[in-house]
């Protein structure tokens, strides 16, 4: 008597044919990208760019952020308090040090345009740059005035400016404050 089968077993899979084709295509694609495509493809910015804005196009967003026309730029190596962050002055009175830092930056640009050299992007995709307004480097001037902390890992030259501001008790250093990064984490 013949045994009757109700199903057929599946054929053995072809393992190497499809894998080899996909691997070869990926390798060829990587080679084309490495050798022949420009670095500015797909919206990635060149390593160093120059951005300029006239006084009419320039807006101070906060103590370390500027709007240059329709572009947003954070000052590289600088961390200023956020608007709404409160610090204490010499007498222990609370004040909005974020607004004071923004006002200090506004005084530094004082109806002049800016020129910025981009240094990359932050984790939110905003451009990071070192900016000048006239003869004043904004990053260094803000830290020297005591209205921002220096990120010594990103911009080592600003560490001395921060130490000088701390020693002279300028800006934030006149009273007490919570570092802006800690304040943002605690909100």
C-alpha atoms as a PDB file:
ATOM      1  CA  UNK A   1       0.000   0.000   0.000  1.00  0.00           C
ATOM      2  CA  UNK A   2       1.178   3.425  -0.898  1.00  0.00           C
ATOM      3  CA  UNK A   3       1.579   6.009   1.735  1.00  0.00           C
ATOM      4  CA  UNK A   4      -0.064   9.216   0.973  1.00  0.00           C
ATOM      5  CA  UNK A   5       1.710  12.499   1.814  1.00  0.00           C
ATOM      6  CA  UNK A   6      -0.341  15.487   2.761  1.00  0.00           C
ATOM      7  CA  UNK A   7       2.409  18.083   2.388  1.00  0.00           C
ATOM      8  CA  UNK A   8       5.637  18.555   0.594  1.00  0.00           C
ATOM      9  CA  UNK A   9       8.767  19.496   2.449  1.00  0.00           C
ATOM     10  CA  UNK A  10      10.210  22.893   1.628  1.00  0.00           C
ATOM     11  CA  UNK A  11      13.195  23.003  -0.682  1.00  0.00           C
ATOM     12  CA  UNK A  12      16.549  23.748   0.954  1.00  0.00           C
ATOM     13  CA  UNK A  13      17.211  27.515   1.090  1.00  0.00           C
ATOM     14  CA  UNK A  14      19.793  29.046  -1.168  1.00  0.00           C
ATOM     15  CA  UNK A  15      22.080  30.681   1.271  1.00  0.00           C
ATOM     16  CA  UNK A  16      25.007  32.051  -0.678  1.00  0.00           C
ATOM     17  CA  UNK A  17      23.471  33.374  -3.869  1.00  0.00           C
ATOM     18  CA  UNK A  18      21.428  36.211  -2.418  1.00  0.00           C
ATOM     19  CA  UNK A  19      23.971  37.055   0.319  1.00  0.00           C
ATOM     20  CA  UNK A  20      26.809  37.373  -2.175  1.00  0.00           C
ATOM     21  CA  UNK A  21      24.798  39.737  -4.376  1.00  0.00           C
ATOM     22  CA  UNK A  22      23.787  41.958  -1.422  1.00  0.00           C
ATOM     23  CA  UNK A  23      27.362  41.988  -0.076  1.00  0.00           C
ATOM     24  CA  UNK A  24      28.824  42.927  -3.461  1.00  0.00           C
ATOM     25  CA  UNK A  25      26.290  45.726  -3.921  1.00  0.00           C
ATOM     26  CA  UNK A  26      26.999  47.127  -0.434  1.00  0.00           C
ATOM     27  CA  UNK A  27      30.745  47.017  -1.048  1.00  0.00           C
ATOM     28  CA  UNK A  28      30.406  48.765  -4.405  1.00  0.00           C
ATOM     29  CA  UNK A  29      28.163  51.424  -2.857  1.00  0.00           C
ATOM     30  CA  UNK A  30      30.642  52.088  -0.057  1.00  0.00           C
ATOM     31  CA  UNK A  31      33.461  52.389  -2.586  1.00  0.00           C
ATOM     32  CA  UNK A  32      31.508  54.905  -4.680  1.00  0.00           C
ATOM     33  CA  UNK A  33      30.710  56.965  -1.580  1.00  0.00           C
ATOM     34  CA  UNK A  34      34.303  56.909  -0.343  1.00  0.00           C
ATOM     35  CA  UNK A  35      35.831  57.871  -3.665  1.00  0.00           C
ATOM     36  CA  UNK A  36      33.412  59.942  -5.605  1.00  0.00           C
ATOM     37  CA  UNK A  37      30.754  61.809  -3.654  1.00  0.00           C
ATOM     38  CA  UNK A  38      31.214  65.350  -2.350  1.00  0.00           C
ATOM     39  CA  UNK A  39      31.256  65.787   1.441  1.00  0.00           C
ATOM     40  CA  UNK A  40      28.377  68.318   1.300  1.00  0.00           C
ATOM     41  CA  UNK A  41      25.894  65.774  -0.100  1.00  0.00           C
ATOM     42  CA  UNK A  42      22.548  65.160   1.615  1.00  0.00           C
ATOM     43  CA  UNK A  43      22.505  68.415   3.580  1.00  0.00           C
ATOM     44  CA  UNK A  44      25.591  67.836   5.661  1.00  0.00           C
ATOM     45  CA  UNK A  45      27.418  71.102   6.189  1.00  0.00           C
ATOM     46  CA  UNK A  46      31.057  71.527   5.296  1.00  0.00           C
ATOM     47  CA  UNK A  47      33.390  71.379   8.294  1.00  0.00           C
ATOM     48  CA  UNK A  48      33.948  75.149   8.404  1.00  0.00           C
ATOM     49  CA  UNK A  49      31.523  77.698   7.071  1.00  0.00           C
ATOM     50  CA  UNK A  50      31.310  81.441   7.476  1.00  0.00           C
ATOM     51  CA  UNK A  51      27.935  82.935   8.371  1.00  0.00           C
ATOM     52  CA  UNK A  52      27.262  86.667   8.433  1.00  0.00           C
ATOM     53  CA  UNK A  53      24.292  88.715   9.497  1.00  0.00           C
ATOM     54  CA  UNK A  54      23.674  92.432   9.472  1.00  0.00           C
ATOM     55  CA  UNK A  55      22.349  94.188  12.564  1.00  0.00           C
ATOM     56  CA  UNK A  56      18.846  94.135  11.061  1.00  0.00           C
ATOM     57  CA  UNK A  57      18.959  90.331  10.610  1.00  0.00           C
ATOM     58  CA  UNK A  58      20.450  89.576  14.042  1.00  0.00           C
ATOM     59  CA  UNK A  59      18.381  88.540  17.088  1.00  0.00           C
ATOM     60  CA  UNK A  60      19.623  87.494  20.529  1.00  0.00           C
ATOM     61  CA  UNK A  61      17.627  84.413  21.563  1.00  0.00           C
ATOM     62  CA  UNK A  62      19.323  83.886  24.925  1.00  0.00           C
ATOM     63  CA  UNK A  63      22.746  84.241  26.494  1.00  0.00           C
ATOM     64  CA  UNK A  64      24.447  81.821  24.108  1.00  0.00           C
ATOM     65  CA  UNK A  65      22.128  81.625  21.078  1.00  0.00           C
ATOM     66  CA  UNK A  66      21.721  83.974  18.100  1.00  0.00           C
ATOM     67  CA  UNK A  67      19.339  84.064  15.153  1.00  0.00           C
ATOM     68  CA  UNK A  68      21.092  85.137  11.957  1.00  0.00           C
ATOM     69  CA  UNK A  69      18.188  85.695   9.600  1.00  0.00           C
ATOM     70  CA  UNK A  70      16.476  82.303   9.420  1.00  0.00           C
ATOM     71  CA  UNK A  71      19.410  80.350  10.918  1.00  0.00           C
ATOM     72  CA  UNK A  72      20.021  79.561  14.582  1.00  0.00           C
ATOM     73  CA  UNK A  73      23.542  79.480  15.981  1.00  0.00           C
ATOM     74  CA  UNK A  74      24.855  78.654  19.457  1.00  0.00           C
ATOM     75  CA  UNK A  75      28.134  80.119  20.624  1.00  0.00           C
ATOM     76  CA  UNK A  76      30.740  77.347  20.613  1.00  0.00           C
ATOM     77  CA  UNK A  77      32.311  76.367  23.933  1.00  0.00           C
ATOM     78  CA  UNK A  78      29.940  78.574  25.940  1.00  0.00           C
ATOM     79  CA  UNK A  79      27.092  77.687  28.311  1.00  0.00           C
ATOM     80  CA  UNK A  80      24.995  80.608  29.541  1.00  0.00           C
ATOM     81  CA  UNK A  81      22.013  80.424  31.902  1.00  0.00           C
ATOM     82  CA  UNK A  82      18.573  79.991  30.371  1.00  0.00           C
ATOM     83  CA  UNK A  83      15.914  82.675  30.541  1.00  0.00           C
ATOM     84  CA  UNK A  84      13.932  82.002  33.694  1.00  0.00           C
ATOM     85  CA  UNK A  85      16.930  80.608  35.580  1.00  0.00           C
ATOM     86  CA  UNK A  86      17.418  82.466  38.846  1.00  0.00           C
ATOM     87  CA  UNK A  87      20.715  83.287  40.549  1.00  0.00           C
ATOM     88  CA  UNK A  88      21.573  85.338  43.606  1.00  0.00           C
ATOM     89  CA  UNK A  89      23.443  88.640  43.684  1.00  0.00           C
ATOM     90  CA  UNK A  90      25.963  89.848  46.325  1.00  0.00           C
ATOM     91  CA  UNK A  91      23.163  90.587  48.786  1.00  0.00           C
ATOM     92  CA  UNK A  92      21.522  87.181  48.242  1.00  0.00           C
ATOM     93  CA  UNK A  93      18.577  88.555  46.246  1.00  0.00           C
ATOM     94  CA  UNK A  94      17.202  86.456  43.391  1.00  0.00           C
ATOM     95  CA  UNK A  95      17.339  87.742  39.823  1.00  0.00           C
ATOM     96  CA  UNK A  96      16.784  86.202  36.377  1.00  0.00           C
ATOM     97  CA  UNK A  97      20.393  85.563  35.373  1.00  0.00           C
ATOM     98  CA  UNK A  98      19.322  84.051  32.031  1.00  0.00           C
ATOM     99  CA  UNK A  99      17.776  87.345  31.004  1.00  0.00           C
ATOM    100  CA  UNK A 100      20.843  89.192  32.321  1.00  0.00           C
ATOM    101  CA  UNK A 101      23.124  86.956  30.198  1.00  0.00           C
ATOM    102  CA  UNK A 102      20.981  87.637  27.105  1.00  0.00           C
ATOM    103  CA  UNK A 103      21.153  91.371  27.828  1.00  0.00           C
ATOM    104  CA  UNK A 104      24.954  91.135  28.116  1.00  0.00           C
ATOM    105  CA  UNK A 105      25.133  89.424  24.720  1.00  0.00           C
ATOM    106  CA  UNK A 106      22.814  92.070  23.242  1.00  0.00           C
ATOM    107  CA  UNK A 107      25.139  94.810  24.573  1.00  0.00           C
ATOM    108  CA  UNK A 108      28.121  93.052  22.954  1.00  0.00           C
ATOM    109  CA  UNK A 109      26.492  93.072  19.498  1.00  0.00           C
ATOM    110  CA  UNK A 110      25.015  96.566  20.061  1.00  0.00           C
ATOM    111  CA  UNK A 111      23.461  97.299  16.665  1.00  0.00           C
ATOM    112  CA  UNK A 112      26.348  95.739  14.726  1.00  0.00           C
ATOM    113  CA  UNK A 113      26.384  92.742  12.468  1.00  0.00           C
ATOM    114  CA  UNK A 114      28.206  89.505  13.259  1.00  0.00           C
ATOM    115  CA  UNK A 115      30.531  87.150  11.446  1.00  0.00           C
ATOM    116  CA  UNK A 116      30.612  83.550  12.651  1.00  0.00           C
ATOM    117  CA  UNK A 117      32.842  80.621  11.811  1.00  0.00           C
ATOM    118  CA  UNK A 118      30.973  77.353  12.266  1.00  0.00           C
ATOM    119  CA  UNK A 119      32.575  74.622  14.371  1.00  0.00           C
ATOM    120  CA  UNK A 120      30.007  71.836  13.936  1.00  0.00           C
ATOM    121  CA  UNK A 121      26.548  71.157  15.361  1.00  0.00           C
ATOM    122  CA  UNK A 122      25.125  70.463  18.793  1.00  0.00           C
ATOM    123  CA  UNK A 123      22.950  67.473  19.732  1.00  0.00           C
ATOM    124  CA  UNK A 124      19.837  69.362  18.586  1.00  0.00           C
ATOM    125  CA  UNK A 125      21.279  70.077  15.133  1.00  0.00           C
ATOM    126  CA  UNK A 126      21.932  73.776  15.759  1.00  0.00           C
ATOM    127  CA  UNK A 127      25.104  75.230  14.309  1.00  0.00           C
ATOM    128  CA  UNK A 128      27.928  75.963  16.746  1.00  0.00           C
ATOM    129  CA  UNK A 129      30.214  78.875  15.979  1.00  0.00           C
ATOM    130  CA  UNK A 130      32.788  81.375  17.125  1.00  0.00           C
ATOM    131  CA  UNK A 131      31.379  84.827  16.398  1.00  0.00           C
ATOM    132  CA  UNK A 132      32.787  88.335  16.121  1.00  0.00           C
ATOM    133  CA  UNK A 133      30.948  91.619  16.244  1.00  0.00           C
ATOM    134  CA  UNK A 134      33.316  94.320  15.139  1.00  0.00           C
ATOM    135  CA  UNK A 135      36.613  93.593  16.916  1.00  0.00           C
ATOM    136  CA  UNK A 136      34.967  91.648  19.772  1.00  0.00           C
ATOM    137  CA  UNK A 137      34.919  87.841  19.860  1.00  0.00           C
ATOM    138  CA  UNK A 138      31.534  87.200  21.431  1.00  0.00           C
ATOM    139  CA  UNK A 139      32.342  83.770  22.895  1.00  0.00           C
ATOM    140  CA  UNK A 140      35.374  85.030  24.832  1.00  0.00           C
ATOM    141  CA  UNK A 141      33.771  88.357  25.811  1.00  0.00           C
ATOM    142  CA  UNK A 142      30.678  86.666  27.280  1.00  0.00           C
ATOM    143  CA  UNK A 143      32.813  84.298  29.380  1.00  0.00           C
ATOM    144  CA  UNK A 144      35.189  87.149  30.387  1.00  0.00           C
ATOM    145  CA  UNK A 145      32.241  89.243  31.539  1.00  0.00           C
ATOM    146  CA  UNK A 146      31.134  86.304  33.700  1.00  0.00           C
ATOM    147  CA  UNK A 147      27.785  85.725  31.978  1.00  0.00           C
ATOM    148  CA  UNK A 148      28.631  82.263  30.623  1.00  0.00           C
ATOM    149  CA  UNK A 149      30.646  79.231  31.636  1.00  0.00           C
ATOM    150  CA  UNK A 150      33.395  77.902  29.402  1.00  0.00           C
ATOM    151  CA  UNK A 151      33.319  74.356  28.078  1.00  0.00           C
ATOM    152  CA  UNK A 152      37.058  73.784  28.442  1.00  0.00           C
ATOM    153  CA  UNK A 153      36.844  70.438  26.631  1.00  0.00           C
ATOM    154  CA  UNK A 154      35.346  72.059  23.533  1.00  0.00           C
ATOM    155  CA  UNK A 155      37.173  75.397  23.600  1.00  0.00           C
ATOM    156  CA  UNK A 156      40.222  75.222  25.939  1.00  0.00           C
ATOM    157  CA  UNK A 157      41.200  78.872  25.339  1.00  0.00           C
ATOM    158  CA  UNK A 158      38.076  80.026  27.223  1.00  0.00           C
ATOM    159  CA  UNK A 159      39.083  78.342  30.509  1.00  0.00           C
ATOM    160  CA  UNK A 160      41.488  81.184  31.397  1.00  0.00           C
ATOM    161  CA  UNK A 161      38.785  83.777  30.663  1.00  0.00           C
ATOM    162  CA  UNK A 162      36.390  81.958  33.010  1.00  0.00           C
ATOM    163  CA  UNK A 163      39.029  81.752  35.765  1.00  0.00           C
ATOM    164  CA  UNK A 164      39.671  85.486  35.437  1.00  0.00           C
ATOM    165  CA  UNK A 165      35.930  86.300  35.636  1.00  0.00           C
ATOM    166  CA  UNK A 166      35.545  84.045  38.684  1.00  0.00           C
ATOM    167  CA  UNK A 167      38.523  85.668  40.426  1.00  0.00           C
ATOM    168  CA  UNK A 168      37.234  89.192  39.666  1.00  0.00           C
ATOM    169  CA  UNK A 169      33.662  88.135  40.657  1.00  0.00           C
ATOM    170  CA  UNK A 170      32.032  89.397  37.470  1.00  0.00           C
ATOM    171  CA  UNK A 171      28.574  88.493  36.177  1.00  0.00           C
ATOM    172  CA  UNK A 172      27.343  85.166  37.558  1.00  0.00           C
ATOM    173  CA  UNK A 173      30.323  84.986  39.895  1.00  0.00           C
ATOM    174  CA  UNK A 174      29.128  87.961  42.004  1.00  0.00           C
ATOM    175  CA  UNK A 175      26.699  85.725  43.891  1.00  0.00           C
ATOM    176  CA  UNK A 176      25.469  82.174  43.688  1.00  0.00           C
ATOM    177  CA  UNK A 177      24.185  80.181  40.748  1.00  0.00           C
ATOM    178  CA  UNK A 178      23.551  76.662  39.589  1.00  0.00           C
ATOM    179  CA  UNK A 179      25.497  75.680  36.462  1.00  0.00           C
ATOM    180  CA  UNK A 180      23.146  75.978  33.464  1.00  0.00           C
ATOM    181  CA  UNK A 181      23.522  72.301  32.493  1.00  0.00           C
ATOM    182  CA  UNK A 182      22.472  71.157  35.999  1.00  0.00           C
ATOM    183  CA  UNK A 183      19.576  73.608  36.026  1.00  0.00           C
ATOM    184  CA  UNK A 184      18.296  72.302  32.667  1.00  0.00           C
ATOM    185  CA  UNK A 185      18.523  68.683  33.876  1.00  0.00           C
ATOM    186  CA  UNK A 186      16.541  69.507  37.016  1.00  0.00           C
ATOM    187  CA  UNK A 187      13.651  71.262  35.269  1.00  0.00           C
END
